[in-house]
N, C-alpha and C. Protein backbone atom coordinates (compact mmCIF):
# COMPACT_ATOMS: atom_id res chain seq x y z
N UNK A 1 104.65 92.13 151.95
CA UNK A 1 105.84 93.01 152.00
C UNK A 1 106.03 93.25 153.48
N UNK A 2 107.27 93.58 153.81
CA UNK A 2 107.71 93.84 155.07
C UNK A 2 107.34 95.18 155.53
N UNK A 3 107.66 95.57 156.76
CA UNK A 3 107.45 96.80 157.16
C UNK A 3 107.99 97.88 156.43
N UNK A 4 107.50 99.04 156.22
CA UNK A 4 108.04 100.15 155.41
C UNK A 4 108.39 101.39 156.51
N UNK A 5 109.39 102.18 156.27
CA UNK A 5 109.94 103.12 157.04
C UNK A 5 110.16 104.15 156.17
N UNK A 6 109.79 105.53 156.87
CA UNK A 6 109.90 106.71 156.02
C UNK A 6 110.73 107.74 156.77
N UNK A 7 111.53 108.69 156.41
CA UNK A 7 111.77 109.69 157.01
C UNK A 7 112.05 110.68 155.76
N UNK A 8 111.37 111.94 156.21
CA UNK A 8 111.12 112.99 155.13
C UNK A 8 112.03 114.03 155.99
N UNK A 9 113.12 114.66 154.93
CA UNK A 9 113.90 115.72 155.46
C UNK A 9 113.67 116.93 154.51
N UNK A 10 114.14 118.17 155.11
CA UNK A 10 114.35 119.16 154.33
C UNK A 10 115.66 119.23 153.79
N UNK A 11 115.89 118.84 152.56
CA UNK A 11 117.23 118.97 152.02
C UNK A 11 117.97 117.49 151.90
N UNK A 12 118.79 117.44 150.79
CA UNK A 12 119.20 116.29 150.46
C UNK A 12 120.44 115.76 151.53
N UNK A 13 121.13 116.42 152.14
CA UNK A 13 122.32 116.14 152.78
C UNK A 13 121.85 115.40 154.14
N UNK A 14 120.56 116.09 154.82
CA UNK A 14 119.81 115.44 155.83
C UNK A 14 119.32 114.15 155.57
N UNK A 15 118.87 113.83 154.44
CA UNK A 15 118.21 112.63 153.98
C UNK A 15 119.46 111.36 153.76
N UNK A 16 120.66 112.06 153.14
CA UNK A 16 121.66 111.08 153.04
C UNK A 16 121.90 110.70 154.63
N UNK A 17 122.33 111.51 155.35
CA UNK A 17 122.44 111.29 157.05
C UNK A 17 121.58 110.41 157.58
N UNK A 18 120.35 110.67 157.31
CA UNK A 18 119.22 109.77 157.81
C UNK A 18 119.55 108.38 157.53
N UNK A 19 119.52 108.16 155.97
CA UNK A 19 119.57 106.95 155.55
C UNK A 19 120.84 106.09 156.16
N UNK A 20 122.16 106.87 156.05
CA UNK A 20 123.31 106.33 156.34
C UNK A 20 123.05 105.82 157.97
N UNK A 21 122.67 106.78 158.68
CA UNK A 21 122.51 106.23 160.09
C UNK A 21 121.55 104.97 160.39
N UNK A 22 120.29 105.01 159.49
CA UNK A 22 119.33 104.12 159.86
C UNK A 22 119.92 102.69 159.19
N UNK A 23 120.74 102.66 158.11
CA UNK A 23 121.15 101.47 157.48
C UNK A 23 122.08 100.80 158.53
N UNK A 24 122.97 101.66 159.28
CA UNK A 24 123.97 101.13 160.18
C UNK A 24 123.40 100.78 161.64
N UNK A 25 122.21 101.27 161.81
CA UNK A 25 121.66 100.96 163.10
C UNK A 25 120.94 99.65 163.18
N UNK A 26 120.23 99.13 162.02
CA UNK A 26 119.52 97.87 162.08
C UNK A 26 119.58 97.29 160.79
N UNK A 27 119.13 95.98 160.68
CA UNK A 27 119.25 95.09 159.45
C UNK A 27 117.94 95.45 158.74
N UNK A 28 118.12 96.57 157.91
CA UNK A 28 117.04 97.06 157.06
C UNK A 28 117.81 97.44 155.61
N UNK A 29 116.70 97.55 154.56
CA UNK A 29 117.30 97.79 153.25
C UNK A 29 116.78 98.90 152.82
N UNK A 30 117.61 99.73 152.08
CA UNK A 30 117.12 100.94 151.29
C UNK A 30 116.42 100.80 150.30
N UNK A 31 114.86 101.12 150.10
CA UNK A 31 114.22 100.93 149.26
C UNK A 31 114.62 102.06 148.00
N UNK A 32 114.61 103.19 148.67
CA UNK A 32 115.08 104.25 147.66
C UNK A 32 114.86 105.65 148.19
N UNK A 33 114.75 106.77 147.32
CA UNK A 33 114.53 108.02 148.02
C UNK A 33 113.51 108.87 147.07
N UNK A 34 112.68 109.63 147.46
CA UNK A 34 112.03 110.41 146.67
C UNK A 34 112.17 111.92 146.92
N UNK A 35 112.41 112.73 145.81
CA UNK A 35 112.39 114.15 145.91
C UNK A 35 110.95 114.66 145.73
N UNK A 36 110.55 115.12 146.58
CA UNK A 36 109.08 115.60 146.71
C UNK A 36 108.88 116.92 146.33
N UNK A 37 109.89 117.80 146.45
CA UNK A 37 109.60 118.98 145.86
C UNK A 37 109.99 120.28 147.01
N UNK A 38 110.26 121.26 146.52
CA UNK A 38 110.59 122.23 147.71
C UNK A 38 111.69 121.88 148.69
N UNK A 39 112.52 120.90 148.19
CA UNK A 39 113.64 120.39 148.88
C UNK A 39 113.42 119.45 150.01
N UNK A 40 112.18 118.87 149.87
CA UNK A 40 111.85 117.82 150.62
C UNK A 40 112.37 116.47 150.09
N UNK A 41 112.98 115.70 150.81
CA UNK A 41 113.29 114.41 150.26
C UNK A 41 113.04 113.37 151.27
N UNK A 42 112.40 112.21 150.90
CA UNK A 42 111.80 111.21 151.57
C UNK A 42 112.80 109.92 151.23
N UNK A 43 113.36 109.21 152.39
CA UNK A 43 114.01 108.09 152.45
C UNK A 43 113.30 106.99 152.82
N UNK A 44 113.35 105.84 151.94
CA UNK A 44 112.31 104.65 152.25
C UNK A 44 113.02 103.54 152.69
N UNK A 45 112.79 102.75 153.83
CA UNK A 45 113.44 101.63 154.19
C UNK A 45 112.50 100.44 154.33
N UNK A 46 112.88 99.42 154.40
CA UNK A 46 112.11 98.11 154.59
C UNK A 46 112.88 97.02 155.30
N UNK A 47 112.04 96.25 155.96
CA UNK A 47 112.63 95.28 156.94
C UNK A 47 111.49 94.76 157.88
N UNK A 48 112.12 93.82 158.83
CA UNK A 48 111.24 93.39 159.94
C UNK A 48 110.77 94.57 160.62
N UNK A 49 109.55 94.70 161.22
CA UNK A 49 109.01 95.76 162.10
C UNK A 49 110.03 96.40 163.05
N UNK A 50 110.31 95.52 163.95
CA UNK A 50 111.45 96.12 164.81
C UNK A 50 112.47 96.54 164.42
N UNK A 51 113.14 96.23 163.36
CA UNK A 51 114.49 96.80 162.86
C UNK A 51 114.05 98.15 162.09
N UNK A 52 112.97 98.01 161.43
CA UNK A 52 112.68 99.44 160.84
C UNK A 52 112.16 100.42 161.85
N UNK A 53 111.79 100.17 162.93
CA UNK A 53 111.43 101.06 164.18
C UNK A 53 112.82 101.55 164.49
N UNK A 54 113.82 100.76 164.75
CA UNK A 54 115.14 101.15 165.18
C UNK A 54 115.63 101.89 164.46
N UNK A 55 115.72 101.45 163.08
CA UNK A 55 116.33 102.27 161.95
C UNK A 55 115.75 103.67 161.85
N UNK A 56 114.38 103.81 162.00
CA UNK A 56 113.79 105.23 161.76
C UNK A 56 114.24 106.04 162.77
N UNK A 57 114.05 105.53 164.15
CA UNK A 57 114.57 106.24 165.31
C UNK A 57 115.98 106.97 165.26
N UNK A 58 117.04 105.99 164.82
CA UNK A 58 118.37 106.39 164.64
C UNK A 58 118.40 107.33 163.41
N UNK A 59 117.93 107.21 162.38
CA UNK A 59 117.82 108.05 161.34
C UNK A 59 117.43 109.41 161.57
N UNK A 60 116.16 109.35 162.21
CA UNK A 60 115.50 110.68 162.57
C UNK A 60 116.59 111.48 163.63
N UNK A 61 116.92 110.84 164.46
CA UNK A 61 117.78 111.70 165.49
C UNK A 61 119.08 112.08 164.83
N UNK A 62 119.73 111.29 163.99
CA UNK A 62 120.95 111.75 163.28
C UNK A 62 120.49 112.84 162.35
N UNK A 63 119.81 112.88 161.43
CA UNK A 63 119.36 113.87 160.71
C UNK A 63 119.04 115.13 161.23
N UNK A 64 118.24 114.93 162.19
CA UNK A 64 117.86 116.35 162.94
C UNK A 64 118.99 117.00 163.49
N UNK A 65 120.08 116.39 163.83
CA UNK A 65 121.24 117.10 164.41
C UNK A 65 121.85 117.87 163.17
N UNK A 66 121.73 117.67 162.06
CA UNK A 66 122.38 118.53 161.02
C UNK A 66 121.33 119.25 160.09
N UNK A 67 120.11 118.89 160.07
CA UNK A 67 119.08 119.55 159.37
C UNK A 67 117.66 119.36 160.07
N UNK A 68 116.63 119.57 159.20
CA UNK A 68 115.31 119.70 159.64
C UNK A 68 114.63 118.37 159.00
N UNK A 69 114.08 117.52 160.24
CA UNK A 69 113.22 116.49 159.81
C UNK A 69 111.71 116.84 159.82
N UNK A 70 111.21 116.50 158.74
CA UNK A 70 109.72 117.07 158.60
C UNK A 70 108.72 115.84 159.17
N UNK A 71 109.09 114.60 158.75
CA UNK A 71 108.28 113.52 159.08
C UNK A 71 108.90 112.30 159.24
N UNK A 72 108.39 111.23 160.23
CA UNK A 72 109.03 109.91 160.15
C UNK A 72 107.82 108.90 160.50
N UNK A 73 107.79 108.00 159.73
CA UNK A 73 106.68 107.05 159.96
C UNK A 73 107.07 105.84 159.65
N UNK A 74 106.57 104.66 160.42
CA UNK A 74 106.65 103.29 160.14
C UNK A 74 105.36 102.61 159.95
N UNK A 75 105.17 101.82 158.78
CA UNK A 75 103.92 101.22 158.57
C UNK A 75 104.23 99.78 158.40
N UNK A 76 103.62 99.22 159.71
CA UNK A 76 103.98 97.88 160.03
C UNK A 76 103.66 96.81 159.06
N UNK A 77 102.59 96.78 158.38
CA UNK A 77 102.18 95.73 157.49
C UNK A 77 101.51 96.43 156.35
N UNK A 78 102.20 96.99 155.21
CA UNK A 78 101.45 97.76 154.34
C UNK A 78 100.71 96.86 153.49
N UNK A 79 99.73 97.22 152.79
CA UNK A 79 98.89 96.66 151.79
C UNK A 79 99.82 96.31 150.50
N UNK A 80 99.46 95.30 149.96
CA UNK A 80 100.22 95.17 148.65
C UNK A 80 100.21 96.06 147.66
N UNK A 81 99.31 96.73 147.64
CA UNK A 81 99.10 97.91 146.45
C UNK A 81 99.99 99.05 146.93
N UNK A 82 100.69 99.21 148.05
CA UNK A 82 101.39 100.36 148.35
C UNK A 82 102.61 100.49 147.57
N UNK A 83 102.88 99.22 146.76
CA UNK A 83 104.09 99.29 146.21
C UNK A 83 103.99 100.08 144.80
N UNK A 84 102.78 100.47 144.38
CA UNK A 84 102.35 101.37 143.40
C UNK A 84 102.71 102.75 143.53
N UNK A 85 102.52 103.23 144.64
CA UNK A 85 102.94 104.43 145.21
C UNK A 85 104.30 104.64 145.14
N UNK A 86 105.00 103.64 145.91
CA UNK A 86 106.55 103.85 146.31
C UNK A 86 107.20 103.54 145.03
N UNK A 87 107.07 102.69 144.25
CA UNK A 87 107.75 102.52 143.15
C UNK A 87 107.24 103.23 141.76
N UNK A 88 106.19 104.01 141.68
CA UNK A 88 105.54 104.76 140.71
C UNK A 88 105.05 103.76 139.47
N UNK A 89 104.36 102.78 139.95
CA UNK A 89 103.85 101.84 139.01
C UNK A 89 102.72 102.37 138.18
N UNK A 90 102.73 102.11 137.00
CA UNK A 90 101.57 102.71 136.18
C UNK A 90 100.06 102.02 136.72
N UNK A 91 99.24 102.99 136.74
CA UNK A 91 97.99 102.67 137.39
C UNK A 91 97.37 101.26 136.14
N UNK A 92 96.67 100.43 136.97
CA UNK A 92 96.22 99.38 136.19
C UNK A 92 94.99 99.64 135.34
N UNK A 93 95.14 99.85 134.03
CA UNK A 93 94.16 100.40 133.14
C UNK A 93 94.24 99.39 131.84
N UNK A 94 93.26 99.48 131.16
CA UNK A 94 93.31 98.51 129.74
C UNK A 94 94.21 99.36 128.99
N UNK A 95 95.01 98.81 128.20
CA UNK A 95 95.90 99.24 127.08
C UNK A 95 95.12 99.65 125.96
N UNK A 96 95.52 101.14 125.59
CA UNK A 96 94.83 101.59 124.47
C UNK A 96 95.57 101.58 123.00
N UNK A 97 95.00 101.10 122.24
CA UNK A 97 95.65 100.87 120.76
C UNK A 97 96.43 102.32 120.39
N UNK A 98 97.63 102.29 119.56
CA UNK A 98 98.27 103.32 119.55
C UNK A 98 97.58 103.93 118.14
N UNK A 99 97.76 105.21 118.10
CA UNK A 99 96.96 106.00 116.85
C UNK A 99 97.68 105.56 115.50
N UNK A 100 96.96 105.42 114.53
CA UNK A 100 97.49 105.00 113.36
C UNK A 100 98.40 106.10 112.78
N UNK A 101 99.38 105.81 112.06
CA UNK A 101 100.23 106.71 111.54
C UNK A 101 99.54 107.41 110.24
N UNK A 102 99.89 108.85 109.93
CA UNK A 102 99.17 109.50 108.84
C UNK A 102 100.04 109.21 107.69
N UNK A 103 99.51 109.24 106.43
CA UNK A 103 100.46 109.05 105.28
C UNK A 103 101.15 110.35 105.16
N UNK A 104 102.54 110.32 104.85
CA UNK A 104 103.29 111.46 104.35
C UNK A 104 103.67 111.56 102.83
N UNK A 105 102.97 110.89 102.17
CA UNK A 105 103.34 110.72 100.62
C UNK A 105 103.29 111.96 100.12
N UNK A 106 104.35 112.28 99.31
CA UNK A 106 104.57 113.71 98.65
C UNK A 106 103.27 114.04 97.52
N UNK A 107 102.66 112.85 97.06
CA UNK A 107 101.58 113.14 96.33
C UNK A 107 100.55 113.69 97.02
N UNK A 108 100.39 113.33 98.24
CA UNK A 108 99.23 113.84 99.28
C UNK A 108 99.44 115.37 99.48
N UNK A 109 100.35 115.85 99.35
CA UNK A 109 100.88 117.15 99.81
C UNK A 109 100.54 118.32 98.92
N UNK A 110 99.97 119.37 99.24
CA UNK A 110 99.42 120.36 98.33
C UNK A 110 100.71 121.40 98.20
N UNK A 111 100.82 121.91 96.98
CA UNK A 111 101.92 123.29 96.95
C UNK A 111 101.22 124.38 96.99
N UNK A 112 101.90 125.33 97.70
CA UNK A 112 101.19 126.57 97.96
C UNK A 112 100.99 127.48 96.55
N UNK A 113 100.06 128.14 96.45
CA UNK A 113 99.80 128.71 95.12
C UNK A 113 100.68 129.99 95.17
N UNK A 114 101.18 130.40 94.07
CA UNK A 114 101.94 131.61 93.72
C UNK A 114 103.56 131.34 94.40
N UNK A 115 104.05 129.97 94.45
CA UNK A 115 105.15 130.15 94.97
C UNK A 115 106.24 129.72 93.85
């Protein structure tokens, strides 16, 4: 996996501004965005380390001009398992068999007394 870059902002508009500026500043790709909650939005970029650093700098500067930047980070060489966090991949577990369906035969149903 190439370098990962993150810009977390307070509000969606600042996040869009950060992503737009970052993508225009360097040869990076937008991986996506995560809405963390309480108005926090994280923009995730990938590319070569130097390109991601330049993009994160440009995006952070641009977003802070119109809103609040909470955090910005570049991970130069992320572990391969990091994709599980970023792409919300399910945890590696053994598959459990589905529960057996219950019979809904009318003969098995009891009628209410006195009705």
